[in-house]
Amino acid sequence: AVAIDFTLTYPDIVEKLVLIDSTGYTNAPAFVQ
């Protein structure tokens, strides 16, 4: 998820992206905050 957010913010410096069993769709429940 960190890598996805970074890539979306700084796309010019990320040549390729690799996600290993990544969060992004499944995250901590909203009530946690």
Full PDB file with SEQRES, HELIX, SHEET, SSBOND, CRYST1, ORIGX, SCALE, CONECT and MASTER records, all heavy atoms in Angstrom:
SEQRES   1 A   33  ALA VAL ALA ILE ASP PHE THR LEU THR TYR PRO ASP ILE          
SEQRES   2 A   33  VAL GLU LYS LEU VAL LEU ILE ASP SER THR GLY TYR THR          
SEQRES   3 A   33  ASN ALA PRO ALA PHE VAL GLN                                  
HELIX    1 AA1 VAL A    2  THR A    9  1                                   8    
HELIX    2 AA2 PRO A   11  ILE A   13  5                                   3    
HELIX    3 AA3 ALA A   30  VAL A   32  5                                   3    
CRYST1    1.000    1.000    1.000  90.00  90.00  90.00 P 1           1          
ORIGX1      1.000000  0.000000  0.000000        0.00000                         
ORIGX2      0.000000  1.000000  0.000000        0.00000                         
ORIGX3      0.000000  0.000000  1.000000        0.00000                         
SCALE1      1.000000  0.000000  0.000000        0.00000                         
SCALE2      0.000000  1.000000  0.000000        0.00000                         
SCALE3      0.000000  0.000000  1.000000        0.00000                         
ATOM      1  N   ALA A   1       0.838  -1.206   0.000  1.00  0.00           N  
ATOM      2  CA  ALA A   1       0.000   0.000   0.000  1.00  0.00           C  
ATOM      3  C   ALA A   1       0.870   1.251   0.000  1.00  0.00           C  
ATOM      4  O   ALA A   1       0.565   2.232  -0.691  1.00  0.00           O  
ATOM      5  CB  ALA A   1      -0.927  -0.011   1.220  1.00  0.00           C  
ATOM      6  N   VAL A   2       1.960   1.226   0.769  1.00  0.00           N  
ATOM      7  CA  VAL A   2       2.901   2.349   0.770  1.00  0.00           C  
ATOM      8  C   VAL A   2       3.463   2.555  -0.637  1.00  0.00           C  
ATOM      9  O   VAL A   2       3.547   3.682  -1.136  1.00  0.00           O  
ATOM     10  CB  VAL A   2       4.055   2.091   1.766  1.00  0.00           C  
ATOM     11  CG1 VAL A   2       5.088   3.219   1.683  1.00  0.00           C  
ATOM     12  CG2 VAL A   2       3.525   1.956   3.189  1.00  0.00           C  
ATOM     13  N   ALA A   3       3.840   1.458  -1.289  1.00  0.00           N  
ATOM     14  CA  ALA A   3       4.416   1.535  -2.632  1.00  0.00           C  
ATOM     15  C   ALA A   3       3.408   2.081  -3.643  1.00  0.00           C  
ATOM     16  O   ALA A   3       3.760   2.858  -4.533  1.00  0.00           O  
ATOM     17  CB  ALA A   3       4.916   0.158  -3.064  1.00  0.00           C  
ATOM     18  N   ILE A   4       2.151   1.676  -3.512  1.00  0.00           N  
ATOM     19  CA  ILE A   4       1.113   2.177  -4.414  1.00  0.00           C  
ATOM     20  C   ILE A   4       0.928   3.683  -4.240  1.00  0.00           C  
ATOM     21  O   ILE A   4       0.905   4.447  -5.213  1.00  0.00           O  
ATOM     22  CB  ILE A   4      -0.217   1.439  -4.170  1.00  0.00           C  
ATOM     23  CG1 ILE A   4      -0.100  -0.021  -4.599  1.00  0.00           C  
ATOM     24  CG2 ILE A   4      -1.368   2.123  -4.926  1.00  0.00           C  
ATOM     25  CD1 ILE A   4      -1.264  -0.890  -4.134  1.00  0.00           C  
ATOM     26  N   ASP A   5       0.803   4.117  -2.993  1.00  0.00           N  
ATOM     27  CA  ASP A   5       0.619   5.543  -2.716  1.00  0.00           C  
ATOM     28  C   ASP A   5       1.817   6.345  -3.213  1.00  0.00           C  
ATOM     29  O   ASP A   5       1.663   7.425  -3.805  1.00  0.00           O  
ATOM     30  CB  ASP A   5       0.429   5.743  -1.211  1.00  0.00           C  
ATOM     31  CG  ASP A   5       0.057   7.173  -0.848  1.00  0.00           C  
ATOM     32  OD1 ASP A   5      -0.592   7.853  -1.674  1.00  0.00           O  
ATOM     33  OD2 ASP A   5       0.412   7.620   0.259  1.00  0.00           O  
ATOM     34  N   PHE A   6       3.025   5.826  -3.003  1.00  0.00           N  
ATOM     35  CA  PHE A   6       4.238   6.513  -3.454  1.00  0.00           C  
ATOM     36  C   PHE A   6       4.255   6.601  -4.982  1.00  0.00           C  
ATOM     37  O   PHE A   6       4.576   7.649  -5.561  1.00  0.00           O  
ATOM     38  CB  PHE A   6       5.472   5.766  -2.951  1.00  0.00           C  
ATOM     39  CG  PHE A   6       6.762   6.493  -3.202  1.00  0.00           C  
ATOM     40  CD1 PHE A   6       7.315   7.304  -2.227  1.00  0.00           C  
ATOM     41  CD2 PHE A   6       7.430   6.368  -4.416  1.00  0.00           C  
ATOM     42  CE1 PHE A   6       8.502   7.982  -2.452  1.00  0.00           C  
ATOM     43  CE2 PHE A   6       8.617   7.044  -4.655  1.00  0.00           C  
ATOM     44  CZ  PHE A   6       9.158   7.852  -3.659  1.00  0.00           C  
ATOM     45  N   THR A   7       3.907   5.515  -5.645  1.00  0.00           N  
ATOM     46  CA  THR A   7       3.918   5.479  -7.108  1.00  0.00           C  
ATOM     47  C   THR A   7       2.918   6.468  -7.697  1.00  0.00           C  
ATOM     48  O   THR A   7       3.202   7.151  -8.691  1.00  0.00           O  
ATOM     49  CB  THR A   7       3.607   4.052  -7.599  1.00  0.00           C  
ATOM     50  OG1 THR A   7       4.605   3.154  -7.110  1.00  0.00           O  
ATOM     51  CG2 THR A   7       3.561   3.980  -9.112  1.00  0.00           C  
ATOM     52  N   LEU A   8       1.752   6.565  -7.094  1.00  0.00           N  
ATOM     53  CA  LEU A   8       0.746   7.506  -7.573  1.00  0.00           C  
ATOM     54  C   LEU A   8       1.173   8.955  -7.365  1.00  0.00           C  
ATOM     55  O   LEU A   8       0.811   9.836  -8.150  1.00  0.00           O  
ATOM     56  CB  LEU A   8      -0.585   7.250  -6.850  1.00  0.00           C  
ATOM     57  CG  LEU A   8      -1.300   5.951  -7.219  1.00  0.00           C  
ATOM     58  CD1 LEU A   8      -2.457   5.687  -6.258  1.00  0.00           C  
ATOM     59  CD2 LEU A   8      -1.813   6.005  -8.659  1.00  0.00           C  
ATOM     60  N   THR A   9       1.959   9.195  -6.309  1.00  0.00           N  
ATOM     61  CA  THR A   9       2.400  10.556  -5.997  1.00  0.00           C  
ATOM     62  C   THR A   9       3.636  10.956  -6.786  1.00  0.00           C  
ATOM     63  O   THR A   9       3.766  12.102  -7.220  1.00  0.00           O  
ATOM     64  CB  THR A   9       2.688  10.683  -4.492  1.00  0.00           C  
ATOM     65  OG1 THR A   9       1.541  10.243  -3.745  1.00  0.00           O  
ATOM     66  CG2 THR A   9       3.008  12.124  -4.105  1.00  0.00           C  
ATOM     67  N   TYR A  10       4.559  10.001  -6.977  1.00  0.00           N  
ATOM     68  CA  TYR A  10       5.831  10.279  -7.661  1.00  0.00           C  
ATOM     69  C   TYR A  10       6.017   9.294  -8.819  1.00  0.00           C  
ATOM     70  O   TYR A  10       6.955   8.486  -8.836  1.00  0.00           O  
ATOM     71  CB  TYR A  10       6.998  10.158  -6.681  1.00  0.00           C  
ATOM     72  CG  TYR A  10       6.859  10.996  -5.431  1.00  0.00           C  
ATOM     73  CD1 TYR A  10       6.526  10.407  -4.210  1.00  0.00           C  
ATOM     74  CD2 TYR A  10       7.067  12.369  -5.453  1.00  0.00           C  
ATOM     75  CE1 TYR A  10       6.406  11.161  -3.049  1.00  0.00           C  
ATOM     76  CE2 TYR A  10       6.950  13.134  -4.307  1.00  0.00           C  
ATOM     77  CZ  TYR A  10       6.616  12.522  -3.110  1.00  0.00           C  
ATOM     78  OH  TYR A  10       6.497  13.288  -1.970  1.00  0.00           O  
ATOM     79  N   PRO A  11       5.140   9.323  -9.814  1.00  0.00           N  
ATOM     80  CA  PRO A  11       5.179   8.304 -10.874  1.00  0.00           C  
ATOM     81  C   PRO A  11       6.439   8.315 -11.728  1.00  0.00           C  
ATOM     82  O   PRO A  11       6.820   7.277 -12.274  1.00  0.00           O  
ATOM     83  CB  PRO A  11       3.940   8.635 -11.717  1.00  0.00           C  
ATOM     84  CG  PRO A  11       3.685  10.089 -11.455  1.00  0.00           C  
ATOM     85  CD  PRO A  11       4.071  10.313 -10.031  1.00  0.00           C  
ATOM     86  N   ASP A  12       7.099   9.457 -11.843  1.00  0.00           N  
ATOM     87  CA  ASP A  12       8.246   9.549 -12.737  1.00  0.00           C  
ATOM     88  C   ASP A  12       9.471   8.803 -12.232  1.00  0.00           C  
ATOM     89  O   ASP A  12      10.398   8.548 -13.015  1.00  0.00           O  
ATOM     90  CB  ASP A  12       8.626  11.025 -12.962  1.00  0.00           C  
ATOM     91  CG  ASP A  12       7.560  11.779 -13.737  1.00  0.00           C  
ATOM     92  OD1 ASP A  12       6.741  11.111 -14.413  1.00  0.00           O  
ATOM     93  OD2 ASP A  12       7.540  13.014 -13.668  1.00  0.00           O  
ATOM     94  N   ILE A  13       9.514   8.471 -10.948  1.00  0.00           N  
ATOM     95  CA  ILE A  13      10.719   7.827 -10.422  1.00  0.00           C  
ATOM     96  C   ILE A  13      10.519   6.348 -10.115  1.00  0.00           C  
ATOM     97  O   ILE A  13      11.455   5.668  -9.699  1.00  0.00           O  
ATOM     98  CB  ILE A  13      11.239   8.558  -9.159  1.00  0.00           C  
ATOM     99  CG1 ILE A  13      10.241   8.451  -8.013  1.00  0.00           C  
ATOM    100  CG2 ILE A  13      11.545  10.006  -9.483  1.00  0.00           C  
ATOM    101  CD1 ILE A  13      10.743   9.103  -6.740  1.00  0.00           C  
ATOM    102  N   VAL A  14       9.306   5.855 -10.339  1.00  0.00           N  
ATOM    103  CA  VAL A  14       9.039   4.421 -10.161  1.00  0.00           C  
ATOM    104  C   VAL A  14       8.947   3.794 -11.551  1.00  0.00           C  
ATOM    105  O   VAL A  14       7.987   4.015 -12.289  1.00  0.00           O  
ATOM    106  CB  VAL A  14       7.745   4.174  -9.361  1.00  0.00           C  
ATOM    107  CG1 VAL A  14       7.483   2.667  -9.233  1.00  0.00           C  
ATOM    108  CG2 VAL A  14       7.838   4.820  -7.985  1.00  0.00           C  
ATOM    109  N   GLU A  15       9.966   3.015 -11.888  1.00  0.00           N  
ATOM    110  CA  GLU A  15      10.000   2.397 -13.210  1.00  0.00           C  
ATOM    111  C   GLU A  15       9.007   1.243 -13.305  1.00  0.00           C  
ATOM    112  O   GLU A  15       8.278   1.103 -14.287  1.00  0.00           O  
ATOM    113  CB  GLU A  15      11.420   1.900 -13.506  1.00  0.00           C  
ATOM    114  CG  GLU A  15      11.621   1.418 -14.917  1.00  0.00           C  
ATOM    115  CD  GLU A  15      13.086   1.204 -15.233  1.00  0.00           C  
ATOM    116  OE1 GLU A  15      13.840   2.203 -15.260  1.00  0.00           O  
ATOM    117  OE2 GLU A  15      13.481   0.047 -15.436  1.00  0.00           O  
ATOM    118  N   LYS A  16       8.999   0.405 -12.275  1.00  0.00           N  
ATOM    119  CA  LYS A  16       8.073  -0.717 -12.211  1.00  0.00           C  
ATOM    120  C   LYS A  16       7.661  -0.916 -10.755  1.00  0.00           C  
ATOM    121  O   LYS A  16       8.346  -0.461  -9.833  1.00  0.00           O  
ATOM    122  CB  LYS A  16       8.706  -2.001 -12.761  1.00  0.00           C  
ATOM    123  CG  LYS A  16       9.019  -1.946 -14.252  1.00  0.00           C  
ATOM    124  CD  LYS A  16       9.608  -3.266 -14.740  1.00  0.00           C  
ATOM    125  CE  LYS A  16       9.913  -3.206 -16.241  1.00  0.00           C  
ATOM    126  NZ  LYS A  16      10.482  -4.498 -16.740  1.00  0.00           N  
ATOM    127  N   LEU A  17       6.554  -1.627 -10.579  1.00  0.00           N  
ATOM    128  CA  LEU A  17       5.989  -1.826  -9.246  1.00  0.00           C  
ATOM    129  C   LEU A  17       5.786  -3.314  -9.003  1.00  0.00           C  
ATOM    130  O   LEU A  17       5.295  -4.036  -9.881  1.00  0.00           O  
ATOM    131  CB  LEU A  17       4.654  -1.080  -9.154  1.00  0.00           C  
ATOM    132  CG  LEU A  17       3.851  -1.157  -7.859  1.00  0.00           C  
ATOM    133  CD1 LEU A  17       4.616  -0.502  -6.709  1.00  0.00           C  
ATOM    134  CD2 LEU A  17       2.490  -0.475  -8.046  1.00  0.00           C  
ATOM    135  N   VAL A  18       6.150  -3.774  -7.801  1.00  0.00           N  
ATOM    136  CA  VAL A  18       5.928  -5.173  -7.406  1.00  0.00           C  
ATOM    137  C   VAL A  18       5.145  -5.176  -6.098  1.00  0.00           C  
ATOM    138  O   VAL A  18       5.546  -4.541  -5.121  1.00  0.00           O  
ATOM    139  CB  VAL A  18       7.252  -5.942  -7.221  1.00  0.00           C  
ATOM    140  CG1 VAL A  18       6.966  -7.382  -6.793  1.00  0.00           C  
ATOM    141  CG2 VAL A  18       8.082  -5.922  -8.502  1.00  0.00           C  
ATOM    142  N   LEU A  19       4.029  -5.890  -6.087  1.00  0.00           N  
ATOM    143  CA  LEU A  19       3.191  -6.012  -4.897  1.00  0.00           C  
ATOM    144  C   LEU A  19       3.206  -7.458  -4.422  1.00  0.00           C  
ATOM    145  O   LEU A  19       2.884  -8.370  -5.187  1.00  0.00           O  
ATOM    146  CB  LEU A  19       1.751  -5.586  -5.215  1.00  0.00           C  
ATOM    147  CG  LEU A  19       1.575  -4.189  -5.819  1.00  0.00           C  
ATOM    148  CD1 LEU A  19       0.102  -3.951  -6.163  1.00  0.00           C  
ATOM    149  CD2 LEU A  19       2.084  -3.116  -4.865  1.00  0.00           C  
ATOM    150  N   ILE A  20       3.592  -7.662  -3.174  1.00  0.00           N  
ATOM    151  CA  ILE A  20       3.655  -9.002  -2.598  1.00  0.00           C  
ATOM    152  C   ILE A  20       2.560  -9.128  -1.541  1.00  0.00           C  
ATOM    153  O   ILE A  20       2.643  -8.521  -0.472  1.00  0.00           O  
ATOM    154  CB  ILE A  20       5.029  -9.284  -1.964  1.00  0.00           C  
ATOM    155  CG1 ILE A  20       6.159  -9.079  -2.985  1.00  0.00           C  
ATOM    156  CG2 ILE A  20       5.083 -10.697  -1.390  1.00  0.00           C  
ATOM    157  CD1 ILE A  20       7.562  -9.229  -2.407  1.00  0.00           C  
ATOM    158  N   ASP A  21       1.501  -9.882  -1.857  1.00  0.00           N  
ATOM    159  CA  ASP A  21       0.382 -10.054  -0.919  1.00  0.00           C  
ATOM    160  C   ASP A  21       0.045  -8.711  -0.264  1.00  0.00           C  
ATOM    161  O   ASP A  21       0.079  -8.564   0.961  1.00  0.00           O  
ATOM    162  CB  ASP A  21       0.714 -11.119   0.114  1.00  0.00           C  
ATOM    163  CG  ASP A  21       0.750 -12.514  -0.483  1.00  0.00           C  
ATOM    164  OD1 ASP A  21       1.708 -12.829  -1.211  1.00  0.00           O  
ATOM    165  OD2 ASP A  21      -0.181 -13.287  -0.243  1.00  0.00           O  
ATOM    166  N   SER A  22      -0.280  -7.766  -1.086  1.00  0.00           N  
ATOM    167  CA  SER A  22      -0.382  -6.368  -0.671  1.00  0.00           C  
ATOM    168  C   SER A  22      -1.733  -6.013  -0.064  1.00  0.00           C  
ATOM    169  O   SER A  22      -2.784  -6.510  -0.482  1.00  0.00           O  
ATOM    170  CB  SER A  22      -0.138  -5.474  -1.889  1.00  0.00           C  
ATOM    171  OG  SER A  22      -0.341  -4.119  -1.576  1.00  0.00           O  
ATOM    172  N   THR A  23      -1.699  -5.132   0.928  1.00  0.00           N  
ATOM    173  CA  THR A  23      -2.924  -4.462   1.346  1.00  0.00           C  
ATOM    174  C   THR A  23      -3.198  -3.339   0.344  1.00  0.00           C  
ATOM    175  O   THR A  23      -2.383  -3.038  -0.508  1.00  0.00           O  
ATOM    176  CB  THR A  23      -2.797  -3.877   2.770  1.00  0.00           C  
ATOM    177  OG1 THR A  23      -1.754  -2.891   2.786  1.00  0.00           O  
ATOM    178  CG2 THR A  23      -2.496  -4.959   3.780  1.00  0.00           C  
ATOM    179  N   GLY A  24      -4.352  -2.740   0.485  1.00  0.00           N  
ATOM    180  CA  GLY A  24      -4.762  -1.695  -0.458  1.00  0.00           C  
ATOM    181  C   GLY A  24      -6.254  -1.789  -0.682  1.00  0.00           C  
ATOM    182  O   GLY A  24      -6.971  -0.789  -0.674  1.00  0.00           O  
ATOM    183  N   TYR A  25      -6.715  -3.025  -0.872  1.00  0.00           N  
ATOM    184  CA  TYR A  25      -8.155  -3.273  -0.872  1.00  0.00           C  
ATOM    185  C   TYR A  25      -8.615  -3.662   0.531  1.00  0.00           C  
ATOM    186  O   TYR A  25      -9.635  -3.188   1.012  1.00  0.00           O  
ATOM    187  CB  TYR A  25      -8.501  -4.374  -1.871  1.00  0.00           C  
ATOM    188  CG  TYR A  25      -8.548  -3.881  -3.285  1.00  0.00           C  
ATOM    189  CD1 TYR A  25      -7.554  -4.222  -4.197  1.00  0.00           C  
ATOM    190  CD2 TYR A  25      -9.583  -3.052  -3.724  1.00  0.00           C  
ATOM    191  CE1 TYR A  25      -7.584  -3.756  -5.499  1.00  0.00           C  
ATOM    192  CE2 TYR A  25      -9.624  -2.572  -5.019  1.00  0.00           C  
ATOM    193  CZ  TYR A  25      -8.626  -2.933  -5.908  1.00  0.00           C  
ATOM    194  OH  TYR A  25      -8.658  -2.457  -7.186  1.00  0.00           O  
ATOM    195  N   THR A  26      -7.861  -4.540   1.167  1.00  0.00           N  
ATOM    196  CA  THR A  26      -8.153  -4.892   2.549  1.00  0.00           C  
ATOM    197  C   THR A  26      -7.242  -4.073   3.450  1.00  0.00           C  
ATOM    198  O   THR A  26      -6.017  -4.182   3.382  1.00  0.00           O  
ATOM    199  CB  THR A  26      -7.907  -6.389   2.806  1.00  0.00           C  
ATOM    200  OG1 THR A  26      -8.790  -7.150   1.983  1.00  0.00           O  
ATOM    201  CG2 THR A  26      -8.159  -6.728   4.257  1.00  0.00           C  
ATOM    202  N   ASN A  27      -7.833  -3.227   4.269  1.00  0.00           N  
ATOM    203  CA  ASN A  27      -7.091  -2.384   5.193  1.00  0.00           C  
ATOM    204  C   ASN A  27      -7.702  -2.521   6.582  1.00  0.00           C  
ATOM    205  O   ASN A  27      -8.673  -3.259   6.779  1.00  0.00           O  
ATOM    206  CB  ASN A  27      -7.133  -0.921   4.731  1.00  0.00           C  
ATOM    207  CG  ASN A  27      -6.466  -0.718   3.386  1.00  0.00           C  
ATOM    208  OD1 ASN A  27      -5.249  -0.778   3.273  1.00  0.00           O  
ATOM    209  ND2 ASN A  27      -7.266  -0.499   2.341  1.00  0.00           N  
ATOM    210  N   ALA A  28      -7.116  -1.843   7.538  1.00  0.00           N  
ATOM    211  CA  ALA A  28      -7.667  -1.886   8.896  1.00  0.00           C  
ATOM    212  C   ALA A  28      -9.096  -1.349   8.885  1.00  0.00           C  
ATOM    213  O   ALA A  28      -9.418  -0.431   8.121  1.00  0.00           O  
ATOM    214  CB  ALA A  28      -6.800  -1.057   9.840  1.00  0.00           C  
ATOM    215  N   PRO A  29      -9.982  -1.924   9.706  1.00  0.00           N  
ATOM    216  CA  PRO A  29     -11.362  -1.421   9.759  1.00  0.00           C  
ATOM    217  C   PRO A  29     -11.391   0.070  10.088  1.00  0.00           C  
ATOM    218  O   PRO A  29     -10.559   0.573  10.842  1.00  0.00           O  
ATOM    219  CB  PRO A  29     -11.985  -2.241  10.902  1.00  0.00           C  
ATOM    220  CG  PRO A  29     -11.141  -3.468  11.005  1.00  0.00           C  
ATOM    221  CD  PRO A  29      -9.753  -3.038  10.635  1.00  0.00           C  
ATOM    222  N   ALA A  30     -12.349   0.780   9.522  1.00  0.00           N  
ATOM    223  CA  ALA A  30     -12.421   2.234   9.691  1.00  0.00           C  
ATOM    224  C   ALA A  30     -12.555   2.645  11.154  1.00  0.00           C  
ATOM    225  O   ALA A  30     -12.057   3.698  11.558  1.00  0.00           O  
ATOM    226  CB  ALA A  30     -13.595   2.786   8.881  1.00  0.00           C  
ATOM    227  N   PHE A  31     -13.217   1.802  11.977  1.00  0.00           N  
ATOM    228  CA  PHE A  31     -13.450   2.198  13.363  1.00  0.00           C  
ATOM    229  C   PHE A  31     -12.161   2.309  14.168  1.00  0.00           C  
ATOM    230  O   PHE A  31     -12.141   2.959  15.218  1.00  0.00           O  
ATOM    231  CB  PHE A  31     -14.403   1.212  14.055  1.00  0.00           C  
ATOM    232  CG  PHE A  31     -13.819  -0.139  14.337  1.00  0.00           C  
ATOM    233  CD1 PHE A  31     -13.032  -0.353  15.462  1.00  0.00           C  
ATOM    234  CD2 PHE A  31     -14.059  -1.211  13.475  1.00  0.00           C  
ATOM    235  CE1 PHE A  31     -12.497  -1.606  15.727  1.00  0.00           C  
ATOM    236  CE2 PHE A  31     -13.527  -2.462  13.735  1.00  0.00           C  
ATOM    237  CZ  PHE A  31     -12.740  -2.659  14.858  1.00  0.00           C  
ATOM    238  N   VAL A  32     -11.074   1.701  13.683  1.00  0.00           N  
ATOM    239  CA  VAL A  32      -9.818   1.714  14.431  1.00  0.00           C  
ATOM    240  C   VAL A  32      -9.348   3.139  14.698  1.00  0.00           C  
ATOM    241  O   VAL A  32      -8.825   3.454  15.767  1.00  0.00           O  
ATOM    242  CB  VAL A  32      -8.734   0.913  13.678  1.00  0.00           C  
ATOM    243  CG1 VAL A  32      -7.364   1.119  14.313  1.00  0.00           C  
ATOM    244  CG2 VAL A  32      -9.093  -0.563  13.658  1.00  0.00           C  
ATOM    245  N   GLN A  33      -9.543   4.029  13.722  1.00  0.00           N  
ATOM    246  CA  GLN A  33      -9.042   5.396  13.889  1.00  0.00           C  
ATOM    247  C   GLN A  33      -9.828   6.191  14.927  1.00  0.00           C  
ATOM    248  O   GLN A  33      -9.394   7.263  15.351  1.00  0.00           O  
ATOM    249  CB  GLN A  33      -9.056   6.137  12.551  1.00  0.00           C  
ATOM    250  CG  GLN A  33     -10.427   6.310  11.936  1.00  0.00           C  
ATOM    251  CD  GLN A  33     -10.369   6.936  10.559  1.00  0.00           C  
ATOM    252  OE1 GLN A  33      -9.907   8.065  10.380  1.00  0.00           O  
ATOM    253  NE2 GLN A  33     -10.830   6.198   9.568  1.00  0.00           N  
TER     254      GLN A  33                                                      
MASTER        0    0    0    3    0    0    0    6  253    1    0    3          
END                                                                             
